[in-house]
């Protein structure tokens, strides 16, 4: 009996992690960006003195980011409509079950003049 349990355990462990091992290589991702000046709520064309970029990431990378920065924010913008929101620093990610083609979305930004991280969305 112990032999059967041990054999079952070994086979379970062997097949438990069938994911490709981490190899340190870059992977493609789905996303968009906006280069602008001013504030996100009132963005304007970028200028030489004021140039920022907001990134929007979707798909598997957004899901991985969302799962990495929990827990959900309970009183965040959009949560009343069923949107799940997670935020760490200038990174915010959402999960929207009503958007099945791309339920996970993350935003973050950079001030291109200072190189500092900034928020990539307003809500």
PDB file of N, CA and C in Angstrom:
ATOM      1  N   UNK A   1       0.823  -1.192   0.000  1.00  0.00           N
ATOM      2  CA  UNK A   1       0.000   0.000   0.000  1.00  0.00           C
ATOM      3  C   UNK A   1       0.873   1.264   0.000  1.00  0.00           C
ATOM      4  N   UNK A   2       1.928   1.254   0.825  1.00  0.00           N
ATOM      5  CA  UNK A   2       2.832   2.399   0.890  1.00  0.00           C
ATOM      6  C   UNK A   2       3.509   2.629  -0.460  1.00  0.00           C
ATOM      7  N   UNK A   3       3.823   1.547  -1.159  1.00  0.00           N
ATOM      8  CA  UNK A   3       4.442   1.662  -2.479  1.00  0.00           C
ATOM      9  C   UNK A   3       3.494   2.334  -3.470  1.00  0.00           C
ATOM     10  N   UNK A   4       2.228   2.008  -3.412  1.00  0.00           N
ATOM     11  CA  UNK A   4       1.233   2.619  -4.315  1.00  0.00           C
ATOM     12  C   UNK A   4       1.098   4.107  -4.013  1.00  0.00           C
ATOM     13  N   UNK A   5       1.032   4.472  -2.730  1.00  0.00           N
ATOM     14  CA  UNK A   5       0.929   5.883  -2.341  1.00  0.00           C
ATOM     15  C   UNK A   5       2.173   6.649  -2.786  1.00  0.00           C
ATOM     16  N   UNK A   6       3.363   6.076  -2.571  1.00  0.00           N
ATOM     17  CA  UNK A   6       4.610   6.730  -2.962  1.00  0.00           C
ATOM     18  C   UNK A   6       4.691   6.908  -4.471  1.00  0.00           C
ATOM     19  N   UNK A   7       4.288   5.897  -5.224  1.00  0.00           N
ATOM     20  CA  UNK A   7       4.311   5.983  -6.689  1.00  0.00           C
ATOM     21  C   UNK A   7       3.345   7.045  -7.181  1.00  0.00           C
ATOM     22  N   UNK A   8       2.147   7.068  -6.607  1.00  0.00           N
ATOM     23  CA  UNK A   8       1.151   8.080  -6.989  1.00  0.00           C
ATOM     24  C   UNK A   8       1.667   9.476  -6.684  1.00  0.00           C
ATOM     25  N   UNK A   9       2.280   9.654  -5.538  1.00  0.00           N
ATOM     26  CA  UNK A   9       2.835  10.942  -5.154  1.00  0.00           C
ATOM     27  C   UNK A   9       3.929  11.386  -6.120  1.00  0.00           C
ATOM     28  N   UNK A  10       4.814  10.495  -6.500  1.00  0.00           N
ATOM     29  CA  UNK A  10       5.884  10.829  -7.446  1.00  0.00           C
ATOM     30  C   UNK A  10       5.325  11.236  -8.802  1.00  0.00           C
ATOM     31  N   UNK A  11       4.345  10.500  -9.316  1.00  0.00           N
ATOM     32  CA  UNK A  11       3.741  10.864 -10.600  1.00  0.00           C
ATOM     33  C   UNK A  11       3.013  12.199 -10.505  1.00  0.00           C
ATOM     34  N   UNK A  12       2.347  12.467  -9.399  1.00  0.00           N
ATOM     35  CA  UNK A  12       1.650  13.733  -9.202  1.00  0.00           C
ATOM     36  C   UNK A  12       2.634  14.890  -9.222  1.00  0.00           C
ATOM     37  N   UNK A  13       3.755  14.733  -8.527  1.00  0.00           N
ATOM     38  CA  UNK A  13       4.762  15.789  -8.499  1.00  0.00           C
ATOM     39  C   UNK A  13       5.402  15.990  -9.871  1.00  0.00           C
ATOM     40  N   UNK A  14       5.591  14.927 -10.603  1.00  0.00           N
ATOM     41  CA  UNK A  14       6.226  15.019 -11.921  1.00  0.00           C
ATOM     42  C   UNK A  14       5.366  15.789 -12.903  1.00  0.00           C
ATOM     43  N   UNK A  15       4.036  15.648 -12.785  1.00  0.00           N
ATOM     44  CA  UNK A  15       3.136  16.310 -13.724  1.00  0.00           C
ATOM     45  C   UNK A  15       2.518  17.582 -13.170  1.00  0.00           C
ATOM     46  N   UNK A  16       2.817  17.955 -11.936  1.00  0.00           N
ATOM     47  CA  UNK A  16       2.204  19.117 -11.303  1.00  0.00           C
ATOM     48  C   UNK A  16       2.638  20.415 -11.969  1.00  0.00           C
ATOM     49  N   UNK A  17       3.890  20.522 -12.350  1.00  0.00           N
ATOM     50  CA  UNK A  17       4.388  21.765 -12.928  1.00  0.00           C
ATOM     51  C   UNK A  17       4.867  21.513 -14.351  1.00  0.00           C
ATOM     52  N   UNK A  18       3.932  21.573 -15.293  1.00  0.00           N
ATOM     53  CA  UNK A  18       4.280  21.325 -16.692  1.00  0.00           C
ATOM     54  C   UNK A  18       4.578  22.621 -17.434  1.00  0.00           C
ATOM     55  N   UNK A  19       4.608  23.747 -16.711  1.00  0.00           N
ATOM     56  CA  UNK A  19       4.939  25.017 -17.343  1.00  0.00           C
ATOM     57  C   UNK A  19       6.388  24.999 -17.828  1.00  0.00           C
ATOM     58  N   UNK A  20       6.629  25.785 -18.864  1.00  0.00           N
ATOM     59  CA  UNK A  20       7.994  25.923 -19.370  1.00  0.00           C
ATOM     60  C   UNK A  20       8.851  26.604 -18.300  1.00  0.00           C
ATOM     61  N   UNK A  21      10.032  26.084 -18.019  1.00  0.00           N
ATOM     62  CA  UNK A  21      10.876  26.695 -16.992  1.00  0.00           C
ATOM     63  C   UNK A  21      11.334  28.100 -17.408  1.00  0.00           C
ATOM     64  N   UNK A  22      11.548  28.931 -16.406  1.00  0.00           N
ATOM     65  CA  UNK A  22      11.999  30.292 -16.651  1.00  0.00           C
ATOM     66  C   UNK A  22      13.368  30.255 -17.309  1.00  0.00           C
ATOM     67  N   UNK A  23      13.516  30.981 -18.429  1.00  0.00           N
ATOM     68  CA  UNK A  23      14.792  30.956 -19.143  1.00  0.00           C
ATOM     69  C   UNK A  23      15.443  32.330 -19.258  1.00  0.00           C
ATOM     70  N   UNK A  24      14.839  33.354 -18.664  1.00  0.00           N
ATOM     71  CA  UNK A  24      15.449  34.681 -18.667  1.00  0.00           C
ATOM     72  C   UNK A  24      15.301  35.448 -19.965  1.00  0.00           C
ATOM     73  N   UNK A  25      14.478  34.955 -20.893  1.00  0.00           N
ATOM     74  CA  UNK A  25      14.334  35.654 -22.168  1.00  0.00           C
ATOM     75  C   UNK A  25      13.130  36.602 -22.140  1.00  0.00           C
ATOM     76  N   UNK A  26      13.223  37.661 -22.928  1.00  0.00           N
ATOM     77  CA  UNK A  26      12.119  38.610 -23.062  1.00  0.00           C
ATOM     78  C   UNK A  26      10.988  37.960 -23.846  1.00  0.00           C
ATOM     79  N   UNK A  27       9.758  38.375 -23.545  1.00  0.00           N
ATOM     80  CA  UNK A  27       8.581  37.856 -24.235  1.00  0.00           C
ATOM     81  C   UNK A  27       7.772  39.011 -24.787  1.00  0.00           C
ATOM     82  N   UNK A  28       7.059  38.802 -25.891  1.00  0.00           N
ATOM     83  CA  UNK A  28       6.202  39.870 -26.430  1.00  0.00           C
ATOM     84  C   UNK A  28       4.982  40.059 -25.531  1.00  0.00           C
ATOM     85  N   UNK A  29       4.361  41.234 -25.620  1.00  0.00           N
ATOM     86  CA  UNK A  29       3.144  41.486 -24.853  1.00  0.00           C
ATOM     87  C   UNK A  29       2.214  42.391 -25.652  1.00  0.00           C
ATOM     88  N   UNK A  30       0.954  42.421 -25.244  1.00  0.00           N
ATOM     89  CA  UNK A  30      -0.048  43.274 -25.879  1.00  0.00           C
ATOM     90  C   UNK A  30      -0.120  44.585 -25.124  1.00  0.00           C
ATOM     91  N   UNK A  31      -0.062  45.684 -25.836  1.00  0.00           N
ATOM     92  CA  UNK A  31      -0.160  46.966 -25.158  1.00  0.00           C
ATOM     93  C   UNK A  31      -0.248  48.129 -26.105  1.00  0.00           C
ATOM     94  N   UNK A  32      -0.497  49.280 -25.501  1.00  0.00           N
ATOM     95  CA  UNK A  32      -0.555  50.546 -26.230  1.00  0.00           C
ATOM     96  C   UNK A  32       0.115  51.600 -25.362  1.00  0.00           C
ATOM     97  N   UNK A  33       0.421  52.737 -25.970  1.00  0.00           N
ATOM     98  CA  UNK A  33       1.016  53.823 -25.209  1.00  0.00           C
ATOM     99  C   UNK A  33       0.516  55.163 -25.722  1.00  0.00           C
ATOM    100  N   UNK A  34       0.641  56.192 -24.885  1.00  0.00           N
ATOM    101  CA  UNK A  34       0.265  57.553 -25.240  1.00  0.00           C
ATOM    102  C   UNK A  34       1.366  58.482 -24.753  1.00  0.00           C
ATOM    103  N   UNK A  35       1.963  59.249 -25.659  1.00  0.00           N
ATOM    104  CA  UNK A  35       2.941  60.275 -25.293  1.00  0.00           C
ATOM    105  C   UNK A  35       2.188  61.595 -25.260  1.00  0.00           C
ATOM    106  N   UNK A  36       2.336  62.349 -24.164  1.00  0.00           N
ATOM    107  CA  UNK A  36       1.518  63.540 -23.961  1.00  0.00           C
ATOM    108  C   UNK A  36       2.254  64.548 -23.081  1.00  0.00           C
ATOM    109  N   UNK A  37       1.646  65.716 -22.902  1.00  0.00           N
ATOM    110  CA  UNK A  37       2.095  66.698 -21.918  1.00  0.00           C
ATOM    111  C   UNK A  37       0.885  67.095 -21.082  1.00  0.00           C
ATOM    112  N   UNK A  38       1.133  67.814 -20.005  1.00  0.00           N
ATOM    113  CA  UNK A  38       0.045  68.185 -19.102  1.00  0.00           C
ATOM    114  C   UNK A  38      -0.286  67.028 -18.178  1.00  0.00           C
ATOM    115  N   UNK A  39      -1.520  67.019 -17.727  1.00  0.00           N
ATOM    116  CA  UNK A  39      -2.000  65.943 -16.864  1.00  0.00           C
ATOM    117  C   UNK A  39      -2.820  64.964 -17.683  1.00  0.00           C
ATOM    118  N   UNK A  40      -2.943  63.728 -17.209  1.00  0.00           N
ATOM    119  CA  UNK A  40      -3.694  62.718 -17.959  1.00  0.00           C
ATOM    120  C   UNK A  40      -5.136  63.133 -18.223  1.00  0.00           C
ATOM    121  N   UNK A  41      -5.774  63.783 -17.265  1.00  0.00           N
ATOM    122  CA  UNK A  41      -7.159  64.204 -17.451  1.00  0.00           C
ATOM    123  C   UNK A  41      -7.315  65.315 -18.466  1.00  0.00           C
ATOM    124  N   UNK A  42      -6.244  66.038 -18.724  1.00  0.00           N
ATOM    125  CA  UNK A  42      -6.275  67.167 -19.668  1.00  0.00           C
ATOM    126  C   UNK A  42      -5.033  67.127 -20.555  1.00  0.00           C
ATOM    127  N   UNK A  43      -4.720  65.948 -21.083  1.00  0.00           N
ATOM    128  CA  UNK A  43      -3.497  65.802 -21.856  1.00  0.00           C
ATOM    129  C   UNK A  43      -3.512  66.644 -23.131  1.00  0.00           C
ATOM    130  N   UNK A  44      -2.304  67.018 -23.515  1.00  0.00           N
ATOM    131  CA  UNK A  44      -2.076  67.812 -24.714  1.00  0.00           C
ATOM    132  C   UNK A  44      -0.926  67.184 -25.483  1.00  0.00           C
ATOM    133  N   UNK A  45      -0.658  67.732 -26.639  1.00  0.00           N
ATOM    134  CA  UNK A  45       0.478  67.249 -27.433  1.00  0.00           C
ATOM    135  C   UNK A  45       1.767  67.430 -26.635  1.00  0.00           C
ATOM    136  N   UNK A  46       2.691  66.477 -26.746  1.00  0.00           N
ATOM    137  CA  UNK A  46       3.952  66.615 -26.005  1.00  0.00           C
ATOM    138  C   UNK A  46       4.754  67.815 -26.485  1.00  0.00           C
ATOM    139  N   UNK A  47       5.515  68.386 -25.567  1.00  0.00           N
ATOM    140  CA  UNK A  47       6.375  69.522 -25.897  1.00  0.00           C
ATOM    141  C   UNK A  47       7.810  69.148 -25.537  1.00  0.00           C
ATOM    142  N   UNK A  48       8.761  70.002 -25.896  1.00  0.00           N
ATOM    143  CA  UNK A  48      10.153  69.746 -25.531  1.00  0.00           C
ATOM    144  C   UNK A  48      10.341  69.775 -24.019  1.00  0.00           C
ATOM    145  N   UNK A  49       9.591  70.625 -23.334  1.00  0.00           N
ATOM    146  CA  UNK A  49       9.757  70.782 -21.895  1.00  0.00           C
ATOM    147  C   UNK A  49       8.908  69.805 -21.085  1.00  0.00           C
ATOM    148  N   UNK A  50       7.845  69.278 -21.670  1.00  0.00           N
ATOM    149  CA  UNK A  50       6.927  68.412 -20.937  1.00  0.00           C
ATOM    150  C   UNK A  50       6.541  67.228 -21.814  1.00  0.00           C
ATOM    151  N   UNK A  51       7.049  66.075 -21.467  1.00  0.00           N
ATOM    152  CA  UNK A  51       6.818  64.869 -22.264  1.00  0.00           C
ATOM    153  C   UNK A  51       6.699  63.682 -21.320  1.00  0.00           C
ATOM    154  N   UNK A  52       5.529  63.058 -21.347  1.00  0.00           N
ATOM    155  CA  UNK A  52       5.252  61.899 -20.491  1.00  0.00           C
ATOM    156  C   UNK A  52       4.716  60.781 -21.362  1.00  0.00           C
ATOM    157  N   UNK A  53       4.760  59.562 -20.838  1.00  0.00           N
ATOM    158  CA  UNK A  53       4.200  58.430 -21.563  1.00  0.00           C
ATOM    159  C   UNK A  53       3.370  57.594 -20.595  1.00  0.00           C
ATOM    160  N   UNK A  54       2.201  57.188 -21.056  1.00  0.00           N
ATOM    161  CA  UNK A  54       1.339  56.284 -20.319  1.00  0.00           C
ATOM    162  C   UNK A  54       1.299  54.967 -21.089  1.00  0.00           C
ATOM    163  N   UNK A  55       1.521  53.863 -20.384  1.00  0.00           N
ATOM    164  CA  UNK A  55       1.486  52.533 -20.997  1.00  0.00           C
ATOM    165  C   UNK A  55       0.240  51.788 -20.531  1.00  0.00           C
ATOM    166  N   UNK A  56      -0.396  51.074 -21.454  1.00  0.00           N
ATOM    167  CA  UNK A  56      -1.502  50.188 -21.134  1.00  0.00           C
ATOM    168  C   UNK A  56      -1.119  48.798 -21.608  1.00  0.00           C
ATOM    169  N   UNK A  57      -1.152  47.830 -20.707  1.00  0.00           N
ATOM    170  CA  UNK A  57      -0.780  46.449 -21.001  1.00  0.00           C
ATOM    171  C   UNK A  57      -2.006  45.572 -20.814  1.00  0.00           C
ATOM    172  N   UNK A  58      -2.213  44.635 -21.735  1.00  0.00           N
ATOM    173  CA  UNK A  58      -3.321  43.693 -21.636  1.00  0.00           C
ATOM    174  C   UNK A  58      -2.800  42.274 -21.839  1.00  0.00           C
ATOM    175  N   UNK A  59      -3.659  41.291 -21.613  1.00  0.00           N
ATOM    176  CA  UNK A  59      -3.321  39.898 -21.879  1.00  0.00           C
ATOM    177  C   UNK A  59      -2.596  39.219 -20.738  1.00  0.00           C
ATOM    178  N   UNK A  60      -1.814  38.176 -21.067  1.00  0.00           N
ATOM    179  CA  UNK A  60      -1.154  37.374 -20.023  1.00  0.00           C
ATOM    180  C   UNK A  60      -0.234  38.185 -19.106  1.00  0.00           C
ATOM    181  N   UNK A  61       0.470  39.178 -19.647  1.00  0.00           N
ATOM    182  CA  UNK A  61       1.340  39.992 -18.800  1.00  0.00           C
ATOM    183  C   UNK A  61       0.510  40.780 -17.799  1.00  0.00           C
ATOM    184  N   UNK A  62      -0.600  41.368 -18.243  1.00  0.00           N
ATOM    185  CA  UNK A  62      -1.467  42.115 -17.331  1.00  0.00           C
ATOM    186  C   UNK A  62      -2.023  41.198 -16.249  1.00  0.00           C
ATOM    187  N   UNK A  63      -2.381  39.979 -16.606  1.00  0.00           N
ATOM    188  CA  UNK A  63      -2.877  39.028 -15.614  1.00  0.00           C
ATOM    189  C   UNK A  63      -1.790  38.724 -14.587  1.00  0.00           C
ATOM    190  N   UNK A  64      -0.581  38.479 -15.052  1.00  0.00           N
ATOM    191  CA  UNK A  64       0.525  38.199 -14.135  1.00  0.00           C
ATOM    192  C   UNK A  64       0.795  39.387 -13.215  1.00  0.00           C
ATOM    193  N   UNK A  65       0.754  40.599 -13.781  1.00  0.00           N
ATOM    194  CA  UNK A  65       0.969  41.796 -12.967  1.00  0.00           C
ATOM    195  C   UNK A  65      -0.149  41.951 -11.939  1.00  0.00           C
ATOM    196  N   UNK A  66      -1.414  41.784 -12.371  1.00  0.00           N
ATOM    197  CA  UNK A  66      -2.571  41.889 -11.480  1.00  0.00           C
ATOM    198  C   UNK A  66      -2.426  40.914 -10.314  1.00  0.00           C
ATOM    199  N   UNK A  67      -2.092  39.676 -10.618  1.00  0.00           N
ATOM    200  CA  UNK A  67      -1.978  38.661  -9.575  1.00  0.00           C
ATOM    201  C   UNK A  67      -0.794  38.912  -8.647  1.00  0.00           C
ATOM    202  N   UNK A  68       0.198  39.665  -9.108  1.00  0.00           N
ATOM    203  CA  UNK A  68       1.389  39.919  -8.304  1.00  0.00           C
ATOM    204  C   UNK A  68       1.229  41.077  -7.328  1.00  0.00           C
ATOM    205  N   UNK A  69       0.254  41.961  -7.552  1.00  0.00           N
ATOM    206  CA  UNK A  69       0.183  43.182  -6.736  1.00  0.00           C
ATOM    207  C   UNK A  69      -1.034  43.247  -5.825  1.00  0.00           C
ATOM    208  N   UNK A  70      -1.691  42.122  -5.545  1.00  0.00           N
ATOM    209  CA  UNK A  70      -2.878  42.139  -4.693  1.00  0.00           C
ATOM    210  C   UNK A  70      -2.612  42.775  -3.351  1.00  0.00           C
ATOM    211  N   UNK A  71      -3.617  42.961  -2.554  1.00  0.00           N
ATOM    212  CA  UNK A  71      -5.011  42.559  -2.715  1.00  0.00           C
ATOM    213  C   UNK A  71      -5.832  43.620  -3.446  1.00  0.00           C
ATOM    214  N   UNK A  72      -7.110  43.285  -3.702  1.00  0.00           N
ATOM    215  CA  UNK A  72      -8.024  44.227  -4.341  1.00  0.00           C
ATOM    216  C   UNK A  72      -8.227  45.454  -3.459  1.00  0.00           C
ATOM    217  N   UNK A  73      -8.378  46.615  -4.113  1.00  0.00           N
ATOM    218  CA  UNK A  73      -8.748  47.856  -3.426  1.00  0.00           C
ATOM    219  C   UNK A  73     -10.269  47.855  -3.284  1.00  0.00           C
ATOM    220  N   UNK A  74     -10.767  48.062  -2.107  1.00  0.00           N
ATOM    221  CA  UNK A  74     -12.219  47.981  -1.880  1.00  0.00           C
ATOM    222  C   UNK A  74     -12.949  49.262  -2.266  1.00  0.00           C
ATOM    223  N   UNK A  75     -12.341  50.420  -2.107  1.00  0.00           N
ATOM    224  CA  UNK A  75     -13.015  51.692  -2.367  1.00  0.00           C
ATOM    225  C   UNK A  75     -12.442  52.431  -3.574  1.00  0.00           C
ATOM    226  N   UNK A  76     -11.851  51.716  -4.508  1.00  0.00           N
ATOM    227  CA  UNK A  76     -11.232  52.360  -5.670  1.00  0.00           C
ATOM    228  C   UNK A  76     -12.279  52.714  -6.714  1.00  0.00           C
ATOM    229  N   UNK A  77     -11.921  53.627  -7.581  1.00  0.00           N
ATOM    230  CA  UNK A  77     -12.787  54.058  -8.676  1.00  0.00           C
ATOM    231  C   UNK A  77     -13.157  52.853  -9.540  1.00  0.00           C
ATOM    232  N   UNK A  78     -14.447  52.631  -9.759  1.00  0.00           N
ATOM    233  CA  UNK A  78     -14.904  51.552 -10.617  1.00  0.00           C
ATOM    234  C   UNK A  78     -15.305  50.289  -9.898  1.00  0.00           C
ATOM    235  N   UNK A  79     -14.980  50.168  -8.602  1.00  0.00           N
ATOM    236  CA  UNK A  79     -15.290  48.929  -7.900  1.00  0.00           C
ATOM    237  C   UNK A  79     -16.785  48.733  -7.700  1.00  0.00           C
ATOM    238  N   UNK A  80     -17.553  49.802  -7.685  1.00  0.00           N
ATOM    239  CA  UNK A  80     -19.003  49.668  -7.532  1.00  0.00           C
ATOM    240  C   UNK A  80     -19.637  48.977  -8.734  1.00  0.00           C
ATOM    241  N   UNK A  81     -19.009  49.065  -9.889  1.00  0.00           N
ATOM    242  CA  UNK A  81     -19.543  48.430 -11.096  1.00  0.00           C
ATOM    243  C   UNK A  81     -19.053  46.989 -11.255  1.00  0.00           C
ATOM    244  N   UNK A  82     -18.365  46.450 -10.252  1.00  0.00           N
ATOM    245  CA  UNK A  82     -17.874  45.075 -10.312  1.00  0.00           C
ATOM    246  C   UNK A  82     -16.441  44.953 -10.785  1.00  0.00           C
ATOM    247  N   UNK A  83     -15.800  46.051 -11.091  1.00  0.00           N
ATOM    248  CA  UNK A  83     -14.398  46.056 -11.515  1.00  0.00           C
ATOM    249  C   UNK A  83     -13.519  45.740 -10.308  1.00  0.00           C
ATOM    250  N   UNK A  84     -12.565  44.848 -10.479  1.00  0.00           N
ATOM    251  CA  UNK A  84     -11.572  44.568  -9.428  1.00  0.00           C
ATOM    252  C   UNK A  84     -10.346  45.421  -9.718  1.00  0.00           C
ATOM    253  N   UNK A  85      -9.871  46.157  -8.730  1.00  0.00           N
ATOM    254  CA  UNK A  85      -8.764  47.095  -8.893  1.00  0.00           C
ATOM    255  C   UNK A  85      -7.663  46.753  -7.901  1.00  0.00           C
ATOM    256  N   UNK A  86      -6.424  46.723  -8.398  1.00  0.00           N
ATOM    257  CA  UNK A  86      -5.250  46.535  -7.553  1.00  0.00           C
ATOM    258  C   UNK A  86      -4.241  47.617  -7.907  1.00  0.00           C
ATOM    259  N   UNK A  87      -3.525  48.117  -6.895  1.00  0.00           N
ATOM    260  CA  UNK A  87      -2.586  49.207  -7.126  1.00  0.00           C
ATOM    261  C   UNK A  87      -1.386  49.074  -6.216  1.00  0.00           C
ATOM    262  N   UNK A  88      -0.212  49.344  -6.772  1.00  0.00           N
ATOM    263  CA  UNK A  88       1.044  49.445  -6.019  1.00  0.00           C
ATOM    264  C   UNK A  88       1.809  50.606  -6.616  1.00  0.00           C
ATOM    265  N   UNK A  89       2.056  51.626  -5.810  1.00  0.00           N
ATOM    266  CA  UNK A  89       2.783  52.786  -6.302  1.00  0.00           C
ATOM    267  C   UNK A  89       2.083  53.385  -7.506  1.00  0.00           C
ATOM    268  N   UNK A  90       2.805  53.538  -8.604  1.00  0.00           N
ATOM    269  CA  UNK A  90       2.246  54.127  -9.825  1.00  0.00           C
ATOM    270  C   UNK A  90       1.710  53.084 -10.792  1.00  0.00           C
ATOM    271  N   UNK A  91       1.615  51.844 -10.366  1.00  0.00           N
ATOM    272  CA  UNK A  91       1.073  50.769 -11.192  1.00  0.00           C
ATOM    273  C   UNK A  91      -0.337  50.455 -10.729  1.00  0.00           C
ATOM    274  N   UNK A  92      -1.293  50.462 -11.668  1.00  0.00           N
ATOM    275  CA  UNK A  92      -2.634  50.014 -11.311  1.00  0.00           C
ATOM    276  C   UNK A  92      -3.111  49.006 -12.345  1.00  0.00           C
ATOM    277  N   UNK A  93      -3.796  47.987 -11.863  1.00  0.00           N
ATOM    278  CA  UNK A  93      -4.299  46.920 -12.721  1.00  0.00           C
ATOM    279  C   UNK A  93      -5.762  46.663 -12.389  1.00  0.00           C
ATOM    280  N   UNK A  94      -6.512  46.257 -13.400  1.00  0.00           N
ATOM    281  CA  UNK A  94      -7.922  45.954 -13.204  1.00  0.00           C
ATOM    282  C   UNK A  94      -8.261  44.600 -13.809  1.00  0.00           C
ATOM    283  N   UNK A  95      -9.319  44.013 -13.264  1.00  0.00           N
ATOM    284  CA  UNK A  95      -9.916  42.815 -13.835  1.00  0.00           C
ATOM    285  C   UNK A  95     -11.392  43.116 -14.034  1.00  0.00           C
ATOM    286  N   UNK A  96     -11.858  42.972 -15.277  1.00  0.00           N
ATOM    287  CA  UNK A  96     -13.248  43.247 -15.626  1.00  0.00           C
ATOM    288  C   UNK A  96     -13.842  42.001 -16.266  1.00  0.00           C
ATOM    289  N   UNK A  97     -14.643  41.269 -15.501  1.00  0.00           N
ATOM    290  CA  UNK A  97     -15.228  40.019 -16.004  1.00  0.00           C
ATOM    291  C   UNK A  97     -16.175  40.266 -17.178  1.00  0.00           C
ATOM    292  N   UNK A  98     -16.670  41.489 -17.335  1.00  0.00           N
ATOM    293  CA  UNK A  98     -17.568  41.817 -18.430  1.00  0.00           C
ATOM    294  C   UNK A  98     -16.838  42.144 -19.727  1.00  0.00           C
ATOM    295  N   UNK A  99     -15.527  42.042 -19.729  1.00  0.00           N
ATOM    296  CA  UNK A  99     -14.709  42.297 -20.913  1.00  0.00           C
ATOM    297  C   UNK A  99     -13.916  41.018 -21.220  1.00  0.00           C
ATOM    298  N   UNK A 100     -14.587  39.955 -21.691  1.00  0.00           N
ATOM    299  CA  UNK A 100     -13.943  38.637 -21.801  1.00  0.00           C
ATOM    300  C   UNK A 100     -12.758  38.558 -22.749  1.00  0.00           C
ATOM    301  N   UNK A 101     -12.693  39.409 -23.766  1.00  0.00           N
ATOM    302  CA  UNK A 101     -11.562  39.316 -24.703  1.00  0.00           C
ATOM    303  C   UNK A 101     -10.262  39.824 -24.085  1.00  0.00           C
ATOM    304  N   UNK A 102     -10.346  40.733 -23.125  1.00  0.00           N
ATOM    305  CA  UNK A 102      -9.157  41.243 -22.433  1.00  0.00           C
ATOM    306  C   UNK A 102      -9.575  41.679 -21.031  1.00  0.00           C
ATOM    307  N   UNK A 103      -9.813  40.718 -20.127  1.00  0.00           N
ATOM    308  CA  UNK A 103     -10.307  41.093 -18.801  1.00  0.00           C
ATOM    309  C   UNK A 103      -9.270  41.794 -17.917  1.00  0.00           C
ATOM    310  N   UNK A 104      -7.987  41.570 -18.176  1.00  0.00           N
ATOM    311  CA  UNK A 104      -6.927  42.172 -17.361  1.00  0.00           C
ATOM    312  C   UNK A 104      -6.295  43.337 -18.104  1.00  0.00           C
ATOM    313  N   UNK A 105      -6.150  44.466 -17.411  1.00  0.00           N
ATOM    314  CA  UNK A 105      -5.514  45.655 -17.978  1.00  0.00           C
ATOM    315  C   UNK A 105      -4.675  46.321 -16.892  1.00  0.00           C
ATOM    316  N   UNK A 106      -3.474  46.762 -17.244  1.00  0.00           N
ATOM    317  CA  UNK A 106      -2.613  47.491 -16.312  1.00  0.00           C
ATOM    318  C   UNK A 106      -2.148  48.791 -16.957  1.00  0.00           C
ATOM    319  N   UNK A 107      -1.971  49.818 -16.119  1.00  0.00           N
ATOM    320  CA  UNK A 107      -1.471  51.126 -16.563  1.00  0.00           C
ATOM    321  C   UNK A 107      -0.310  51.550 -15.673  1.00  0.00           C
ATOM    322  N   UNK A 108       0.673  52.179 -16.286  1.00  0.00           N
ATOM    323  CA  UNK A 108       1.767  52.815 -15.568  1.00  0.00           C
ATOM    324  C   UNK A 108       2.361  53.857 -16.490  1.00  0.00           C
ATOM    325  N   UNK A 109       3.135  54.780 -15.950  1.00  0.00           N
ATOM    326  CA  UNK A 109       3.676  55.845 -16.778  1.00  0.00           C
ATOM    327  C   UNK A 109       5.068  56.262 -16.372  1.00  0.00           C
ATOM    328  N   UNK A 110       5.651  57.074 -17.242  1.00  0.00           N
ATOM    329  CA  UNK A 110       6.981  57.639 -17.002  1.00  0.00           C
ATOM    330  C   UNK A 110       6.986  59.100 -17.418  1.00  0.00           C
ATOM    331  N   UNK A 111       7.651  59.920 -16.627  1.00  0.00           N
ATOM    332  CA  UNK A 111       7.941  61.275 -17.037  1.00  0.00           C
ATOM    333  C   UNK A 111       9.233  61.182 -17.846  1.00  0.00           C
ATOM    334  N   UNK A 112       9.167  61.449 -19.131  1.00  0.00           N
ATOM    335  CA  UNK A 112      10.325  61.249 -20.008  1.00  0.00           C
ATOM    336  C   UNK A 112      11.400  62.315 -19.825  1.00  0.00           C
ATOM    337  N   UNK A 113      11.107  63.391 -19.164  1.00  0.00           N
ATOM    338  CA  UNK A 113      12.111  64.422 -18.900  1.00  0.00           C
ATOM    339  C   UNK A 113      12.902  64.113 -17.627  1.00  0.00           C
ATOM    340  N   UNK A 114      12.246  63.487 -16.632  1.00  0.00           N
ATOM    341  CA  UNK A 114      12.931  63.182 -15.381  1.00  0.00           C
ATOM    342  C   UNK A 114      13.290  61.712 -15.242  1.00  0.00           C
ATOM    343  N   UNK A 115      12.624  60.861 -16.004  1.00  0.00           N
ATOM    344  CA  UNK A 115      12.826  59.425 -15.894  1.00  0.00           C
ATOM    345  C   UNK A 115      12.097  58.803 -14.721  1.00  0.00           C
ATOM    346  N   UNK A 116      11.293  59.588 -14.020  1.00  0.00           N
ATOM    347  CA  UNK A 116      10.595  59.082 -12.838  1.00  0.00           C
ATOM    348  C   UNK A 116       9.269  58.445 -13.214  1.00  0.00           C
ATOM    349  N   UNK A 117       8.904  57.459 -12.403  1.00  0.00           N
ATOM    350  CA  UNK A 117       7.634  56.771 -12.578  1.00  0.00           C
ATOM    351  C   UNK A 117       6.481  57.693 -12.209  1.00  0.00           C
ATOM    352  N   UNK A 118       5.399  57.618 -12.991  1.00  0.00           N
ATOM    353  CA  UNK A 118       4.172  58.372 -12.708  1.00  0.00           C
ATOM    354  C   UNK A 118       2.989  57.446 -12.960  1.00  0.00           C
ATOM    355  N   UNK A 119       1.849  57.861 -12.498  1.00  0.00           N
ATOM    356  CA  UNK A 119       0.640  57.079 -12.745  1.00  0.00           C
ATOM    357  C   UNK A 119       0.344  57.062 -14.248  1.00  0.00           C
ATOM    358  N   UNK A 120      -0.225  55.963 -14.716  1.00  0.00           N
ATOM    359  CA  UNK A 120      -0.540  55.853 -16.133  1.00  0.00           C
ATOM    360  C   UNK A 120      -2.016  55.968 -16.423  1.00  0.00           C
ATOM    361  N   UNK A 121      -2.834  56.187 -15.390  1.00  0.00           N
ATOM    362  CA  UNK A 121      -4.273  56.353 -15.583  1.00  0.00           C
ATOM    363  C   UNK A 121      -4.816  57.288 -14.527  1.00  0.00           C
ATOM    364  N   UNK A 122      -6.005  57.819 -14.782  1.00  0.00           N
ATOM    365  CA  UNK A 122      -6.597  58.739 -13.810  1.00  0.00           C
ATOM    366  C   UNK A 122      -7.645  58.075 -12.943  1.00  0.00           C
ATOM    367  N   UNK A 123      -8.122  56.917 -13.344  1.00  0.00           N
ATOM    368  CA  UNK A 123      -9.131  56.242 -12.538  1.00  0.00           C
ATOM    369  C   UNK A 123      -9.024  54.755 -12.759  1.00  0.00           C
TER     370      UNK A 123
END
